[in-house]
Every structure is written in C-alpha cells, then in structure tokens.
C-alpha cells in the first residue's frame, strides 16, 4: 500500500531562498531511492515550504528515513529553518477516480 507524506519546513528569517535551493540540491538523491514515487517541494501561502512525498510502501519510506539522502538533507536544512520540520504520514483513501481521487 502506498504511503503519502508531507514535510512542512519553516524557513528562518531571510533563509527562504537558501532553504529552497538546499532542498533542490538534495532531491535528486531521494528521487533515485527505491520506492520513491513523488518527492516535490511546494511554496505554501503561509510562508512555509511543503514537501509532498509518495512511497510505494511503508518499508520503502522507513528505508528512506534511515538513508544517507535524508541525513544529507537534514545537514543542509537544519541551519535554515526556524523550528523542527513537521512530518505527517498518511495512507491514501480511495475516492472518485483513481486518477483524481488518489495522490
């Protein structure tokens, strides 16, 4: 069963562009991980940056969380955020059409 994750980053004062660039630079390593279906950043209207992720399984997400790509991402992101990243893990619920009703 696929797993969807949101990770909300709160940029430190004056660090938004640096945070976005740090995420862009570290994303290719995550895209290469087994099980990664989606790993994309979005600019939210509240000033945060939100990563939307989709993994083929909880096992692949766990491997990602323990992997070197996440360690590298955390190393460059931690100095650029005002507070800890808020991560939410979700299981998709089918509704409507498969193309429109599932992420």
C-alpha atoms as a PDB file:
ATOM      1  CA  UNK A   1       0.000   0.000   0.000  1.00  0.00           C
ATOM      2  CA  UNK A   2       1.420   3.413  -0.930  1.00  0.00           C
ATOM      3  CA  UNK A   3       2.243   5.996   1.726  1.00  0.00           C
ATOM      4  CA  UNK A   4       1.906   9.768   1.330  1.00  0.00           C
ATOM      5  CA  UNK A   5       3.960  12.155   3.436  1.00  0.00           C
ATOM      6  CA  UNK A   6       4.009  15.901   3.919  1.00  0.00           C
ATOM      7  CA  UNK A   7       7.023  17.612   5.447  1.00  0.00           C
ATOM      8  CA  UNK A   8       6.471  21.267   6.312  1.00  0.00           C
ATOM      9  CA  UNK A   9       9.593  23.409   6.593  1.00  0.00           C
ATOM     10  CA  UNK A  10       9.511  26.777   8.396  1.00  0.00           C
ATOM     11  CA  UNK A  11      12.285  28.925   6.895  1.00  0.00           C
ATOM     12  CA  UNK A  12      14.329  31.008   9.313  1.00  0.00           C
ATOM     13  CA  UNK A  13      14.182  34.771   8.792  1.00  0.00           C
ATOM     14  CA  UNK A  14      15.815  35.627   5.478  1.00  0.00           C
ATOM     15  CA  UNK A  15      16.600  31.982   4.667  1.00  0.00           C
ATOM     16  CA  UNK A  16      13.703  31.019   2.376  1.00  0.00           C
ATOM     17  CA  UNK A  17      15.636  31.067  -0.905  1.00  0.00           C
ATOM     18  CA  UNK A  18      18.593  29.234   0.642  1.00  0.00           C
ATOM     19  CA  UNK A  19      16.219  26.584   2.023  1.00  0.00           C
ATOM     20  CA  UNK A  20      14.559  26.070  -1.361  1.00  0.00           C
ATOM     21  CA  UNK A  21      17.943  25.761  -3.061  1.00  0.00           C
ATOM     22  CA  UNK A  22      19.181  23.293  -0.422  1.00  0.00           C
ATOM     23  CA  UNK A  23      16.092  21.148  -0.989  1.00  0.00           C
ATOM     24  CA  UNK A  24      16.533  21.318  -4.764  1.00  0.00           C
ATOM     25  CA  UNK A  25      20.151  20.203  -4.493  1.00  0.00           C
ATOM     26  CA  UNK A  26      19.400  17.226  -2.218  1.00  0.00           C
ATOM     27  CA  UNK A  27      16.268  15.992  -4.025  1.00  0.00           C
ATOM     28  CA  UNK A  28      17.953  14.014  -6.849  1.00  0.00           C
ATOM     29  CA  UNK A  29      19.429  11.535  -4.351  1.00  0.00           C
ATOM     30  CA  UNK A  30      15.953  10.896  -2.945  1.00  0.00           C
ATOM     31  CA  UNK A  31      14.445  10.544  -6.428  1.00  0.00           C
ATOM     32  CA  UNK A  32      16.952   7.726  -7.011  1.00  0.00           C
ATOM     33  CA  UNK A  33      15.819   5.786  -3.925  1.00  0.00           C
ATOM     34  CA  UNK A  34      13.859   2.577  -4.395  1.00  0.00           C
ATOM     35  CA  UNK A  35      10.156   3.160  -3.804  1.00  0.00           C
ATOM     36  CA  UNK A  36      10.124   6.932  -4.334  1.00  0.00           C
ATOM     37  CA  UNK A  37       7.111   7.820  -6.476  1.00  0.00           C
ATOM     38  CA  UNK A  38       6.923  11.526  -5.648  1.00  0.00           C
ATOM     39  CA  UNK A  39       9.195  13.940  -3.795  1.00  0.00           C
ATOM     40  CA  UNK A  40       8.283  17.505  -4.696  1.00  0.00           C
ATOM     41  CA  UNK A  41       8.525  20.886  -2.965  1.00  0.00           C
ATOM     42  CA  UNK A  42       5.787  23.491  -2.919  1.00  0.00           C
ATOM     43  CA  UNK A  43       5.628  27.106  -1.794  1.00  0.00           C
ATOM     44  CA  UNK A  44       2.748  27.404   0.684  1.00  0.00           C
ATOM     45  CA  UNK A  45       0.716  30.574   1.152  1.00  0.00           C
ATOM     46  CA  UNK A  46       1.629  30.706   4.868  1.00  0.00           C
ATOM     47  CA  UNK A  47       5.342  31.191   4.129  1.00  0.00           C
ATOM     48  CA  UNK A  48       6.313  27.564   4.655  1.00  0.00           C
ATOM     49  CA  UNK A  49       7.808  25.164   2.133  1.00  0.00           C
ATOM     50  CA  UNK A  50       5.990  21.842   1.912  1.00  0.00           C
ATOM     51  CA  UNK A  51       7.474  18.619   0.593  1.00  0.00           C
ATOM     52  CA  UNK A  52       4.868  16.206  -0.745  1.00  0.00           C
ATOM     53  CA  UNK A  53       6.111  12.633  -0.936  1.00  0.00           C
ATOM     54  CA  UNK A  54       4.677   9.349  -2.124  1.00  0.00           C
ATOM     55  CA  UNK A  55       6.319   5.992  -1.461  1.00  0.00           C
ATOM     56  CA  UNK A  56       5.350   2.560  -2.756  1.00  0.00           C
ATOM     57  CA  UNK A  57       5.295   1.137   0.780  1.00  0.00           C
ATOM     58  CA  UNK A  58       5.896   1.883   4.442  1.00  0.00           C
ATOM     59  CA  UNK A  59       9.058  -0.242   4.211  1.00  0.00           C
ATOM     60  CA  UNK A  60      10.490   1.978   1.475  1.00  0.00           C
ATOM     61  CA  UNK A  61       9.612   5.083   3.496  1.00  0.00           C
ATOM     62  CA  UNK A  62      11.391   3.612   6.548  1.00  0.00           C
ATOM     63  CA  UNK A  63      14.480   2.868   4.450  1.00  0.00           C
ATOM     64  CA  UNK A  64      14.375   6.442   3.150  1.00  0.00           C
ATOM     65  CA  UNK A  65      14.172   7.837   6.692  1.00  0.00           C
ATOM     66  CA  UNK A  66      17.294   5.855   7.677  1.00  0.00           C
ATOM     67  CA  UNK A  67      19.185   6.585   4.471  1.00  0.00           C
ATOM     68  CA  UNK A  68      22.084   8.807   3.567  1.00  0.00           C
ATOM     69  CA  UNK A  69      19.933  11.126   1.429  1.00  0.00           C
ATOM     70  CA  UNK A  70      17.855  12.168   4.453  1.00  0.00           C
ATOM     71  CA  UNK A  71      20.981  12.632   6.572  1.00  0.00           C
ATOM     72  CA  UNK A  72      22.459  14.892   3.880  1.00  0.00           C
ATOM     73  CA  UNK A  73      19.189  16.805   3.562  1.00  0.00           C
ATOM     74  CA  UNK A  74      18.960  17.362   7.317  1.00  0.00           C
ATOM     75  CA  UNK A  75      22.551  18.569   7.499  1.00  0.00           C
ATOM     76  CA  UNK A  76      21.965  21.345   4.990  1.00  0.00           C
ATOM     77  CA  UNK A  77      18.383  22.199   6.013  1.00  0.00           C
ATOM     78  CA  UNK A  78      18.714  22.368   9.808  1.00  0.00           C
ATOM     79  CA  UNK A  79      20.590  25.716   9.870  1.00  0.00           C
ATOM     80  CA  UNK A  80      17.989  27.237   7.518  1.00  0.00           C
ATOM     81  CA  UNK A  81      14.794  26.513   9.472  1.00  0.00           C
ATOM     82  CA  UNK A  82      13.272  28.360  12.406  1.00  0.00           C
ATOM     83  CA  UNK A  83      11.827  25.240  14.028  1.00  0.00           C
ATOM     84  CA  UNK A  84      11.661  21.478  13.514  1.00  0.00           C
ATOM     85  CA  UNK A  85      10.066  20.185  10.329  1.00  0.00           C
ATOM     86  CA  UNK A  86       6.512  18.892  10.798  1.00  0.00           C
ATOM     87  CA  UNK A  87       6.199  15.482   9.130  1.00  0.00           C
ATOM     88  CA  UNK A  88       2.815  13.810   8.622  1.00  0.00           C
ATOM     89  CA  UNK A  89       2.467  10.280   7.238  1.00  0.00           C
ATOM     90  CA  UNK A  90      -0.817   9.312   5.603  1.00  0.00           C
ATOM     91  CA  UNK A  91      -2.443   6.304   3.958  1.00  0.00           C
ATOM     92  CA  UNK A  92      -4.479   7.191   0.867  1.00  0.00           C
ATOM     93  CA  UNK A  93      -8.222   6.553   0.979  1.00  0.00           C
ATOM     94  CA  UNK A  94      -9.787   5.749  -2.363  1.00  0.00           C
ATOM     95  CA  UNK A  95     -12.471   8.151  -3.546  1.00  0.00           C
ATOM     96  CA  UNK A  96     -13.639   9.097  -7.017  1.00  0.00           C
ATOM     97  CA  UNK A  97     -11.493   8.050  -9.941  1.00  0.00           C
ATOM     98  CA  UNK A  98      -8.022   6.535  -9.474  1.00  0.00           C
ATOM     99  CA  UNK A  99      -6.506   9.412 -11.467  1.00  0.00           C
ATOM    100  CA  UNK A 100      -8.220  12.155  -9.481  1.00  0.00           C
ATOM    101  CA  UNK A 101      -9.078  10.576  -6.169  1.00  0.00           C
ATOM    102  CA  UNK A 102      -5.641   9.291  -5.175  1.00  0.00           C
ATOM    103  CA  UNK A 103      -2.362  11.100  -4.806  1.00  0.00           C
END
